[in-house]
Amino acid sequence: MTKVAIQGIEGSFHAEAVSKFFPEREIELLMCDSFEKVTNQVGAGKADFGVLAIENSIAGSILPNYNLIDTGDFEIYDEVYLNIQMYLMALESESIIDIFEVHSHPVALLQCRDYLKRFPPQFKVIEGKDTASEAKRIRENNLKGVAAIAGKQVAEMYHLKILDSHIQDIKENQTRFVLFGMKGSNLNSKTTNKATIKFVLGSEVGSLSEALQVLADHKINLTKIQSLPIVGRPWKYAFFVDVIFKKPDDFFDAMDALQDKVKELKLVGTYTSNKENVPSKLTNVISNGE
């Protein structure tokens, strides 16, 4: 059975992402209480794959997860986008006027920041392990006056009453999750059309524009660029870049040309752009045991 490490428990958004990656495959979830423990499980060989949220359309990039994938020398194999709708939930006996405290994952709370500002000053917002775990804790400990923010499926799973619906700041709210594993597994085919790369520049004037021009010259469409501080090297930054291409050969030619324009270059993963959440050829390969 394929083992997949996630941050959170059953019912969490990470668990939902796993079901999108492997819709017809029985999966054993290795449930972790932090993103770092997810990568540790994969790195130690206890999990075949890991799933991490990498960015949200409201909260932005989840920067620590970029570092975890990079420093662990993992490879991104696939992506999926979930439409994230947030709900406020509590025990059946509670109404919204009874609530004096709300718990959820920090990223979920950030997505509902404007909504939470409506509550009185004495109202407490508490960061928890993840969305589903906080809801489960309310049910198991019969916590009155306490609500959780999570997905609708969590309320159904733990028999909690929904007090308010669609409370995220922007109604069209999506989170991008990536499937990753050990580098060099060679699971992807030559039909991929998206890649994540990392590069570090020198101090020369115009070095970033020259690097980006290389991508343009090879007909590579840059869809995202994110800078992160390099640990142990003050005021030095690495750039993580997502690109889309029509021909894999064009991309690899661009990588060869880019090598001469940057100090360091790393391929983090090649995969198939998947905003439609269609099961990719990669997950089909894994599911069929090929």
C-alpha atoms as a PDB file:
ATOM      1  CA  MET A   1       0.000   0.000   0.000  1.00  0.00           C
ATOM      2  CA  THR A   2       1.264   3.473  -0.879  1.00  0.00           C
ATOM      3  CA  LYS A   3       2.085   5.573   2.190  1.00  0.00           C
ATOM      4  CA  VAL A   4       1.627   9.340   1.994  1.00  0.00           C
ATOM      5  CA  ALA A   5       2.658  11.758   4.745  1.00  0.00           C
ATOM      6  CA  ILE A   6       0.468  14.811   5.372  1.00  0.00           C
ATOM      7  CA  GLN A   7       0.241  17.646   7.861  1.00  0.00           C
ATOM      8  CA  GLY A   8      -3.025  17.103   9.683  1.00  0.00           C
ATOM      9  CA  ILE A   9      -5.493  14.280  10.135  1.00  0.00           C
ATOM     10  CA  GLU A  10      -8.326  12.661   8.205  1.00  0.00           C
ATOM     11  CA  GLY A  11     -10.730  15.308   6.987  1.00  0.00           C
ATOM     12  CA  SER A  12      -8.030  17.970   6.664  1.00  0.00           C
ATOM     13  CA  PHE A  13      -7.435  19.795   3.396  1.00  0.00           C
ATOM     14  CA  HIS A  14      -4.160  17.902   2.993  1.00  0.00           C
ATOM     15  CA  ALA A  15      -6.056  14.610   3.215  1.00  0.00           C
ATOM     16  CA  GLU A  16      -8.482  15.903   0.596  1.00  0.00           C
ATOM     17  CA  ALA A  17      -5.535  16.774  -1.650  1.00  0.00           C
ATOM     18  CA  VAL A  18      -4.250  13.199  -1.344  1.00  0.00           C
ATOM     19  CA  SER A  19      -7.625  11.903  -2.564  1.00  0.00           C
ATOM     20  CA  LYS A  20      -7.257  14.159  -5.619  1.00  0.00           C
ATOM     21  CA  PHE A  21      -3.777  12.825  -6.342  1.00  0.00           C
ATOM     22  CA  PHE A  22      -4.859   9.192  -5.909  1.00  0.00           C
ATOM     23  CA  PRO A  23      -8.616   9.019  -6.597  1.00  0.00           C
ATOM     24  CA  GLU A  24      -8.694   5.264  -7.210  1.00  0.00           C
ATOM     25  CA  ARG A  25      -5.916   4.060  -4.946  1.00  0.00           C
ATOM     26  CA  GLU A  26      -6.044   2.860  -1.351  1.00  0.00           C
ATOM     27  CA  ILE A  27      -3.654   5.073   0.591  1.00  0.00           C
ATOM     28  CA  GLU A  28      -2.256   4.853   4.102  1.00  0.00           C
ATOM     29  CA  LEU A  29      -2.032   8.345   5.541  1.00  0.00           C
ATOM     30  CA  LEU A  30       0.907   9.096   7.831  1.00  0.00           C
ATOM     31  CA  MET A  31      -0.529  11.998   9.825  1.00  0.00           C
ATOM     32  CA  CYS A  32       1.954  14.573  11.135  1.00  0.00           C
ATOM     33  CA  ASP A  33       1.484  17.623  13.338  1.00  0.00           C
ATOM     34  CA  SER A  34       3.936  19.819  11.417  1.00  0.00           C
ATOM     35  CA  PHE A  35       5.153  20.356   7.866  1.00  0.00           C
ATOM     36  CA  GLU A  36       8.700  19.497   8.928  1.00  0.00           C
ATOM     37  CA  LYS A  37       7.612  16.099  10.193  1.00  0.00           C
ATOM     38  CA  VAL A  38       6.031  15.412   6.800  1.00  0.00           C
ATOM     39  CA  THR A  39       9.380  15.865   5.074  1.00  0.00           C
ATOM     40  CA  ASN A  40      11.122  13.867   7.821  1.00  0.00           C
ATOM     41  CA  GLN A  41       8.825  10.904   7.163  1.00  0.00           C
ATOM     42  CA  VAL A  42       9.625  10.964   3.456  1.00  0.00           C
ATOM     43  CA  GLY A  43      13.339  11.518   4.020  1.00  0.00           C
ATOM     44  CA  ALA A  44      13.504   8.588   6.443  1.00  0.00           C
ATOM     45  CA  GLY A  45      11.768   6.297   3.962  1.00  0.00           C
ATOM     46  CA  LYS A  46       8.728   5.814   6.189  1.00  0.00           C
ATOM     47  CA  ALA A  47       6.465   7.422   3.570  1.00  0.00           C
ATOM     48  CA  ASP A  48       6.574   6.903  -0.192  1.00  0.00           C
ATOM     49  CA  PHE A  49       5.422  10.464  -0.825  1.00  0.00           C
ATOM     50  CA  GLY A  50       4.496  13.619   0.988  1.00  0.00           C
ATOM     51  CA  VAL A  51       1.903  16.299   0.274  1.00  0.00           C
ATOM     52  CA  LEU A  52       2.490  19.941   1.199  1.00  0.00           C
ATOM     53  CA  ALA A  53       0.441  23.086   0.684  1.00  0.00           C
ATOM     54  CA  ILE A  54       2.722  25.464  -1.176  1.00  0.00           C
ATOM     55  CA  GLU A  55       0.614  28.574  -1.777  1.00  0.00           C
ATOM     56  CA  ASN A  56      -2.830  30.073  -1.269  1.00  0.00           C
ATOM     57  CA  SER A  57      -4.627  32.664  -3.362  1.00  0.00           C
ATOM     58  CA  ILE A  58      -5.300  34.793  -0.242  1.00  0.00           C
ATOM     59  CA  ALA A  59      -2.415  34.079   2.144  1.00  0.00           C
ATOM     60  CA  GLY A  60       0.229  33.804  -0.580  1.00  0.00           C
ATOM     61  CA  SER A  61       3.227  31.475  -0.642  1.00  0.00           C
ATOM     62  CA  ILE A  62       3.903  29.207   2.319  1.00  0.00           C
ATOM     63  CA  LEU A  63       7.598  30.037   2.396  1.00  0.00           C
ATOM     64  CA  PRO A  64       8.796  27.457   4.974  1.00  0.00           C
ATOM     65  CA  ASN A  65       7.556  24.655   2.734  1.00  0.00           C
ATOM     66  CA  TYR A  66       9.725  25.815  -0.145  1.00  0.00           C
ATOM     67  CA  ASN A  67      12.727  25.539   2.168  1.00  0.00           C
ATOM     68  CA  LEU A  68      11.674  22.107   3.420  1.00  0.00           C
ATOM     69  CA  ILE A  69      11.463  20.717  -0.119  1.00  0.00           C
ATOM     70  CA  ASP A  70      14.744  22.367  -1.104  1.00  0.00           C
ATOM     71  CA  THR A  71      16.870  21.484   1.932  1.00  0.00           C
ATOM     72  CA  GLY A  72      15.566  17.919   1.943  1.00  0.00           C
ATOM     73  CA  ASP A  73      16.612  17.624  -1.701  1.00  0.00           C
ATOM     74  CA  PHE A  74      13.174  16.342  -2.662  1.00  0.00           C
ATOM     75  CA  GLU A  75      11.527  16.366  -6.072  1.00  0.00           C
ATOM     76  CA  ILE A  76       8.071  17.725  -6.919  1.00  0.00           C
ATOM     77  CA  TYR A  77       6.113  15.160  -8.918  1.00  0.00           C
ATOM     78  CA  ASP A  78       2.648  16.651  -9.266  1.00  0.00           C
ATOM     79  CA  GLU A  79       0.298  19.439  -8.197  1.00  0.00           C
ATOM     80  CA  VAL A  80      -3.370  19.906  -7.414  1.00  0.00           C
ATOM     81  CA  TYR A  81      -5.499  22.983  -6.666  1.00  0.00           C
ATOM     82  CA  LEU A  82      -8.311  22.803  -4.119  1.00  0.00           C
ATOM     83  CA  ASN A  83     -11.153  25.293  -3.860  1.00  0.00           C
ATOM     84  CA  ILE A  84     -10.996  26.122  -0.158  1.00  0.00           C
ATOM     85  CA  GLN A  85     -14.248  27.144   1.524  1.00  0.00           C
ATOM     86  CA  MET A  86     -14.019  27.917   5.237  1.00  0.00           C
ATOM     87  CA  TYR A  87     -16.724  27.239   7.814  1.00  0.00           C
ATOM     88  CA  LEU A  88     -17.116  28.199  11.477  1.00  0.00           C
ATOM     89  CA  MET A  89     -18.206  25.176  13.531  1.00  0.00           C
ATOM     90  CA  ALA A  90     -18.864  24.233  17.149  1.00  0.00           C
ATOM     91  CA  LEU A  91     -20.853  21.823  19.325  1.00  0.00           C
ATOM     92  CA  GLU A  92     -24.537  21.355  18.528  1.00  0.00           C
ATOM     93  CA  SER A  93     -25.489  23.198  21.731  1.00  0.00           C
ATOM     94  CA  GLU A  94     -23.669  26.390  20.709  1.00  0.00           C
ATOM     95  CA  SER A  95     -24.762  29.455  18.777  1.00  0.00           C
ATOM     96  CA  ILE A  96     -22.466  32.089  17.334  1.00  0.00           C
ATOM     97  CA  ILE A  97     -23.136  34.467  20.259  1.00  0.00           C
ATOM     98  CA  ASP A  98     -21.793  31.810  22.678  1.00  0.00           C
ATOM     99  CA  ILE A  99     -18.362  31.685  21.013  1.00  0.00           C
ATOM    100  CA  PHE A 100     -15.485  33.452  22.761  1.00  0.00           C
ATOM    101  CA  GLU A 101     -12.599  31.551  21.170  1.00  0.00           C
ATOM    102  CA  VAL A 102     -11.810  30.197  17.692  1.00  0.00           C
ATOM    103  CA  HIS A 103      -9.053  27.735  16.751  1.00  0.00           C
ATOM    104  CA  SER A 104      -7.555  26.716  13.428  1.00  0.00           C
ATOM    105  CA  HIS A 105      -4.331  26.379  11.466  1.00  0.00           C
ATOM    106  CA  PRO A 106      -2.482  29.711  11.104  1.00  0.00           C
ATOM    107  CA  VAL A 107      -2.913  29.768   7.311  1.00  0.00           C
ATOM    108  CA  ALA A 108      -6.660  29.129   7.637  1.00  0.00           C
ATOM    109  CA  LEU A 109      -6.953  31.953  10.169  1.00  0.00           C
ATOM    110  CA  LEU A 110      -5.092  34.255   7.812  1.00  0.00           C
ATOM    111  CA  GLN A 111      -7.581  33.452   5.052  1.00  0.00           C
ATOM    112  CA  CYS A 112     -10.413  34.567   7.365  1.00  0.00           C
ATOM    113  CA  ARG A 113      -8.724  37.633   8.840  1.00  0.00           C
ATOM    114  CA  ASP A 114     -11.398  40.161   7.813  1.00  0.00           C
ATOM    115  CA  TYR A 115     -14.185  37.937   9.118  1.00  0.00           C
ATOM    116  CA  LEU A 116     -12.513  37.502  12.509  1.00  0.00           C
ATOM    117  CA  LYS A 117     -12.110  41.272  12.914  1.00  0.00           C
ATOM    118  CA  ARG A 118     -15.872  41.545  13.305  1.00  0.00           C
ATOM    119  CA  PHE A 119     -15.794  39.871  16.695  1.00  0.00           C
ATOM    120  CA  PRO A 120     -15.387  41.903  19.942  1.00  0.00           C
ATOM    121  CA  PRO A 121     -11.885  42.720  21.300  1.00  0.00           C
ATOM    122  CA  GLN A 122     -12.047  40.072  24.033  1.00  0.00           C
ATOM    123  CA  PHE A 123     -12.590  37.381  21.408  1.00  0.00           C
ATOM    124  CA  LYS A 124      -9.540  35.057  21.236  1.00  0.00           C
ATOM    125  CA  VAL A 125      -8.047  33.662  18.020  1.00  0.00           C
ATOM    126  CA  ILE A 126      -5.822  30.662  18.740  1.00  0.00           C
ATOM    127  CA  GLU A 127      -3.414  29.058  16.265  1.00  0.00           C
ATOM    128  CA  GLY A 128      -3.654  25.266  16.302  1.00  0.00           C
ATOM    129  CA  LYS A 129      -2.065  22.255  14.634  1.00  0.00           C
ATOM    130  CA  ASP A 130      -4.445  22.056  11.684  1.00  0.00           C
ATOM    131  CA  THR A 131      -8.060  22.644  10.760  1.00  0.00           C
ATOM    132  CA  ALA A 132      -9.420  19.129  11.327  1.00  0.00           C
ATOM    133  CA  SER A 133      -7.483  18.455  14.547  1.00  0.00           C
ATOM    134  CA  GLU A 134      -8.916  21.565  16.193  1.00  0.00           C
ATOM    135  CA  ALA A 135     -12.451  20.552  15.245  1.00  0.00           C
ATOM    136  CA  LYS A 136     -11.876  17.019  16.512  1.00  0.00           C
ATOM    137  CA  ARG A 137     -10.589  18.368  19.831  1.00  0.00           C
ATOM    138  CA  ILE A 138     -13.780  20.384  20.327  1.00  0.00           C
ATOM    139  CA  ARG A 139     -15.876  17.244  19.897  1.00  0.00           C
ATOM    140  CA  GLU A 140     -13.695  14.937  22.010  1.00  0.00           C
ATOM    141  CA  ASN A 141     -13.359  17.420  24.892  1.00  0.00           C
ATOM    142  CA  ASN A 142     -16.885  18.816  24.652  1.00  0.00           C
ATOM    143  CA  LEU A 143     -15.484  22.354  24.499  1.00  0.00           C
ATOM    144  CA  LYS A 144     -18.234  24.919  24.887  1.00  0.00           C
ATOM    145  CA  GLY A 145     -17.745  28.482  23.758  1.00  0.00           C
ATOM    146  CA  VAL A 146     -15.020  27.327  21.367  1.00  0.00           C
ATOM    147  CA  ALA A 147     -15.302  27.143  17.586  1.00  0.00           C
ATOM    148  CA  ALA A 148     -13.032  25.869  14.837  1.00  0.00           C
ATOM    149  CA  ILE A 149     -12.498  27.030  11.281  1.00  0.00           C
ATOM    150  CA  ALA A 150     -12.288  24.148   8.821  1.00  0.00           C
ATOM    151  CA  GLY A 151     -13.866  22.644   5.726  1.00  0.00           C
ATOM    152  CA  LYS A 152     -17.481  21.468   5.567  1.00  0.00           C
ATOM    153  CA  GLN A 153     -16.352  17.840   5.435  1.00  0.00           C
ATOM    154  CA  VAL A 154     -14.774  18.263   8.879  1.00  0.00           C
ATOM    155  CA  ALA A 155     -18.063  19.371  10.444  1.00  0.00           C
ATOM    156  CA  GLU A 156     -19.744  16.317   8.962  1.00  0.00           C
ATOM    157  CA  MET A 157     -16.969  13.968  10.098  1.00  0.00           C
ATOM    158  CA  TYR A 158     -16.961  15.170  13.726  1.00  0.00           C
ATOM    159  CA  HIS A 159     -20.685  15.974  14.017  1.00  0.00           C
ATOM    160  CA  LEU A 160     -20.277  19.677  14.652  1.00  0.00           C
ATOM    161  CA  LYS A 161     -22.803  22.395  13.867  1.00  0.00           C
ATOM    162  CA  ILE A 162     -21.910  24.931  11.195  1.00  0.00           C
ATOM    163  CA  LEU A 163     -22.375  28.406  12.645  1.00  0.00           C
ATOM    164  CA  ASP A 164     -21.325  30.371   9.561  1.00  0.00           C
ATOM    165  CA  SER A 165     -20.360  29.494   5.989  1.00  0.00           C
ATOM    166  CA  HIS A 166     -17.894  30.704   3.349  1.00  0.00           C
ATOM    167  CA  ILE A 167     -16.126  32.966   5.810  1.00  0.00           C
ATOM    168  CA  GLN A 168     -12.824  33.307   3.928  1.00  0.00           C
ATOM    169  CA  ASP A 169     -12.005  36.872   2.862  1.00  0.00           C
ATOM    170  CA  ILE A 170     -12.198  36.095  -0.873  1.00  0.00           C
ATOM    171  CA  LYS A 171     -14.887  33.699  -2.061  1.00  0.00           C
ATOM    172  CA  GLU A 172     -12.749  32.255  -4.868  1.00  0.00           C
ATOM    173  CA  ASN A 173     -10.094  30.815  -2.577  1.00  0.00           C
ATOM    174  CA  GLN A 174      -7.661  28.181  -3.836  1.00  0.00           C
ATOM    175  CA  THR A 175      -4.711  26.377  -2.309  1.00  0.00           C
ATOM    176  CA  ARG A 176      -2.047  24.668  -4.380  1.00  0.00           C
ATOM    177  CA  PHE A 177      -0.677  21.393  -3.027  1.00  0.00           C
ATOM    178  CA  VAL A 178       2.334  19.488  -4.352  1.00  0.00           C
ATOM    179  CA  LEU A 179       3.137  15.798  -4.260  1.00  0.00           C
ATOM    180  CA  PHE A 180       6.832  15.214  -3.596  1.00  0.00           C
ATOM    181  CA  GLY A 181       9.263  12.392  -2.952  1.00  0.00           C
ATOM    182  CA  MET A 182      12.901  11.468  -3.071  1.00  0.00           C
ATOM    183  CA  LYS A 183      14.884  13.009  -5.887  1.00  0.00           C
ATOM    184  CA  GLY A 184      15.823  10.905  -8.893  1.00  0.00           C
ATOM    185  CA  SER A 185      12.890   8.500  -8.924  1.00  0.00           C
ATOM    186  CA  ASN A 186      12.374   9.199 -12.650  1.00  0.00           C
ATOM    187  CA  LEU A 187       8.604   8.854 -12.408  1.00  0.00           C
ATOM    188  CA  ASN A 188       7.700  11.648 -14.795  1.00  0.00           C
ATOM    189  CA  SER A 189       7.298  11.167 -18.519  1.00  0.00           C
ATOM    190  CA  LYS A 190       8.401  13.480 -21.294  1.00  0.00           C
ATOM    191  CA  THR A 191       4.847  14.828 -21.599  1.00  0.00           C
ATOM    192  CA  THR A 192       5.320  17.255 -18.693  1.00  0.00           C
ATOM    193  CA  ASN A 193       4.755  20.951 -19.368  1.00  0.00           C
ATOM    194  CA  LYS A 194       5.600  22.630 -16.043  1.00  0.00           C
ATOM    195  CA  ALA A 195       8.675  22.871 -13.842  1.00  0.00           C
ATOM    196  CA  THR A 196       9.901  24.407 -10.619  1.00  0.00           C
ATOM    197  CA  ILE A 197      13.498  25.565 -10.579  1.00  0.00           C
ATOM    198  CA  LYS A 198      15.723  27.320  -8.047  1.00  0.00           C
ATOM    199  CA  PHE A 199      18.626  29.603  -8.841  1.00  0.00           C
ATOM    200  CA  VAL A 200      21.028  31.870  -6.981  1.00  0.00           C
ATOM    201  CA  LEU A 201      22.421  34.962  -8.692  1.00  0.00           C
ATOM    202  CA  GLY A 202      25.728  36.748  -8.509  1.00  0.00           C
ATOM    203  CA  SER A 203      26.068  40.387  -7.517  1.00  0.00           C
ATOM    204  CA  GLU A 204      26.351  41.710 -11.066  1.00  0.00           C
ATOM    205  CA  VAL A 205      23.976  44.458 -12.151  1.00  0.00           C
ATOM    206  CA  GLY A 206      21.129  43.084 -14.267  1.00  0.00           C
ATOM    207  CA  SER A 207      21.754  39.431 -13.373  1.00  0.00           C
ATOM    208  CA  LEU A 208      18.080  38.733 -12.655  1.00  0.00           C
ATOM    209  CA  SER A 209      16.869  40.328 -15.899  1.00  0.00           C
ATOM    210  CA  GLU A 210      19.466  38.328 -17.849  1.00  0.00           C
ATOM    211  CA  ALA A 211      18.288  35.083 -16.265  1.00  0.00           C
ATOM    212  CA  LEU A 212      14.662  35.841 -17.054  1.00  0.00           C
ATOM    213  CA  GLN A 213      15.577  36.811 -20.622  1.00  0.00           C
ATOM    214  CA  VAL A 214      17.059  33.341 -21.128  1.00  0.00           C
ATOM    215  CA  LEU A 215      13.659  31.841 -20.292  1.00  0.00           C
ATOM    216  CA  ALA A 216      11.885  34.218 -22.678  1.00  0.00           C
ATOM    217  CA  ASP A 217      14.359  33.473 -25.486  1.00  0.00           C
ATOM    218  CA  HIS A 218      13.536  29.769 -25.187  1.00  0.00           C
ATOM    219  CA  LYS A 219       9.748  30.364 -25.162  1.00  0.00           C
ATOM    220  CA  ILE A 220       9.438  29.468 -21.495  1.00  0.00           C
ATOM    221  CA  ASN A 221       6.521  31.193 -19.749  1.00  0.00           C
ATOM    222  CA  LEU A 222       7.287  32.270 -16.195  1.00  0.00           C
ATOM    223  CA  THR A 223       4.173  31.875 -14.016  1.00  0.00           C
ATOM    224  CA  LYS A 224       5.645  32.599 -10.588  1.00  0.00           C
ATOM    225  CA  ILE A 225       8.841  33.888  -9.006  1.00  0.00           C
ATOM    226  CA  GLN A 226       9.506  33.804  -5.282  1.00  0.00           C
ATOM    227  CA  SER A 227      12.632  34.929  -3.430  1.00  0.00           C
ATOM    228  CA  LEU A 228      13.719  33.311  -0.156  1.00  0.00           C
ATOM    229  CA  PRO A 229      16.622  34.191   2.150  1.00  0.00           C
ATOM    230  CA  ILE A 230      19.456  31.664   2.055  1.00  0.00           C
ATOM    231  CA  VAL A 231      19.996  30.259   5.555  1.00  0.00           C
ATOM    232  CA  GLY A 232      23.473  31.050   6.836  1.00  0.00           C
ATOM    233  CA  ARG A 233      24.176  33.600   4.104  1.00  0.00           C
ATOM    234  CA  PRO A 234      22.863  36.992   5.314  1.00  0.00           C
ATOM    235  CA  TRP A 235      21.253  39.174   2.634  1.00  0.00           C
ATOM    236  CA  LYS A 236      21.637  36.471   0.001  1.00  0.00           C
ATOM    237  CA  TYR A 237      18.509  35.170  -1.707  1.00  0.00           C
ATOM    238  CA  ALA A 238      17.482  32.185  -3.787  1.00  0.00           C
ATOM    239  CA  PHE A 239      14.763  32.457  -6.423  1.00  0.00           C
ATOM    240  CA  PHE A 240      12.157  29.736  -6.841  1.00  0.00           C
ATOM    241  CA  VAL A 241      10.521  29.963 -10.245  1.00  0.00           C
ATOM    242  CA  ASP A 242       7.570  28.109 -11.799  1.00  0.00           C
ATOM    243  CA  VAL A 243       7.563  27.910 -15.589  1.00  0.00           C
ATOM    244  CA  ILE A 244       5.319  26.420 -18.270  1.00  0.00           C
ATOM    245  CA  PHE A 245       6.532  25.218 -21.655  1.00  0.00           C
ATOM    246  CA  LYS A 246       5.123  23.504 -24.729  1.00  0.00           C
ATOM    247  CA  LYS A 247       8.109  21.303 -25.476  1.00  0.00           C
ATOM    248  CA  PRO A 248      10.266  19.637 -22.803  1.00  0.00           C
ATOM    249  CA  ASP A 249      13.289  20.010 -25.080  1.00  0.00           C
ATOM    250  CA  ASP A 250      12.824  23.808 -25.033  1.00  0.00           C
ATOM    251  CA  PHE A 251      12.858  23.754 -21.258  1.00  0.00           C
ATOM    252  CA  PHE A 252      16.007  21.663 -20.947  1.00  0.00           C
ATOM    253  CA  ASP A 253      17.761  23.821 -23.556  1.00  0.00           C
ATOM    254  CA  ALA A 254      16.831  26.835 -21.429  1.00  0.00           C
ATOM    255  CA  MET A 255      18.266  25.130 -18.347  1.00  0.00           C
ATOM    256  CA  ASP A 256      21.561  24.596 -20.172  1.00  0.00           C
ATOM    257  CA  ALA A 257      21.687  28.261 -21.202  1.00  0.00           C
ATOM    258  CA  LEU A 258      20.652  29.454 -17.747  1.00  0.00           C
ATOM    259  CA  GLN A 259      23.551  27.587 -16.172  1.00  0.00           C
ATOM    260  CA  ASP A 260      25.930  30.223 -17.531  1.00  0.00           C
ATOM    261  CA  LYS A 261      23.886  33.147 -16.139  1.00  0.00           C
ATOM    262  CA  VAL A 262      23.521  32.097 -12.498  1.00  0.00           C
ATOM    263  CA  LYS A 263      25.766  30.975  -9.657  1.00  0.00           C
ATOM    264  CA  GLU A 264      23.657  27.998  -8.664  1.00  0.00           C
ATOM    265  CA  LEU A 265      20.868  26.199 -10.526  1.00  0.00           C
ATOM    266  CA  LYS A 266      18.646  23.373  -9.341  1.00  0.00           C
ATOM    267  CA  LEU A 267      15.737  21.526 -10.905  1.00  0.00           C
ATOM    268  CA  VAL A 268      13.174  21.036  -8.140  1.00  0.00           C
ATOM    269  CA  GLY A 269      10.703  19.109 -10.282  1.00  0.00           C
ATOM    270  CA  THR A 270       9.036  18.665 -13.661  1.00  0.00           C
ATOM    271  CA  TYR A 271       5.362  17.769 -13.759  1.00  0.00           C
ATOM    272  CA  THR A 272       2.079  18.526 -15.515  1.00  0.00           C
ATOM    273  CA  SER A 273       0.205  21.778 -14.949  1.00  0.00           C
ATOM    274  CA  ASN A 274      -2.976  20.661 -13.255  1.00  0.00           C
ATOM    275  CA  LYS A 275      -5.398  23.474 -12.381  1.00  0.00           C
ATOM    276  CA  GLU A 276      -8.221  21.281 -13.692  1.00  0.00           C
ATOM    277  CA  ASN A 277      -7.303  18.638 -11.069  1.00  0.00           C
ATOM    278  CA  VAL A 278      -7.269  15.833 -13.611  1.00  0.00           C
ATOM    279  CA  PRO A 279      -5.438  12.700 -12.390  1.00  0.00           C
ATOM    280  CA  SER A 280      -2.050  12.969 -14.057  1.00  0.00           C
ATOM    281  CA  LYS A 281      -0.185  10.267 -15.910  1.00  0.00           C
ATOM    282  CA  LEU A 282       2.250  10.216 -13.027  1.00  0.00           C
ATOM    283  CA  THR A 283      -0.339   9.208 -10.422  1.00  0.00           C
ATOM    284  CA  ASN A 284      -1.733   6.667 -12.861  1.00  0.00           C
ATOM    285  CA  VAL A 285       1.742   5.161 -13.174  1.00  0.00           C
ATOM    286  CA  ILE A 286       2.069   4.966  -9.390  1.00  0.00           C
ATOM    287  CA  SER A 287      -1.428   3.554  -8.956  1.00  0.00           C
ATOM    288  CA  ASN A 288      -0.796   0.818 -11.504  1.00  0.00           C
ATOM    289  CA  GLY A 289       2.493  -0.105  -9.864  1.00  0.00           C
ATOM    290  CA  GLU A 290       4.441   0.461 -13.058  1.00  0.00           C
END
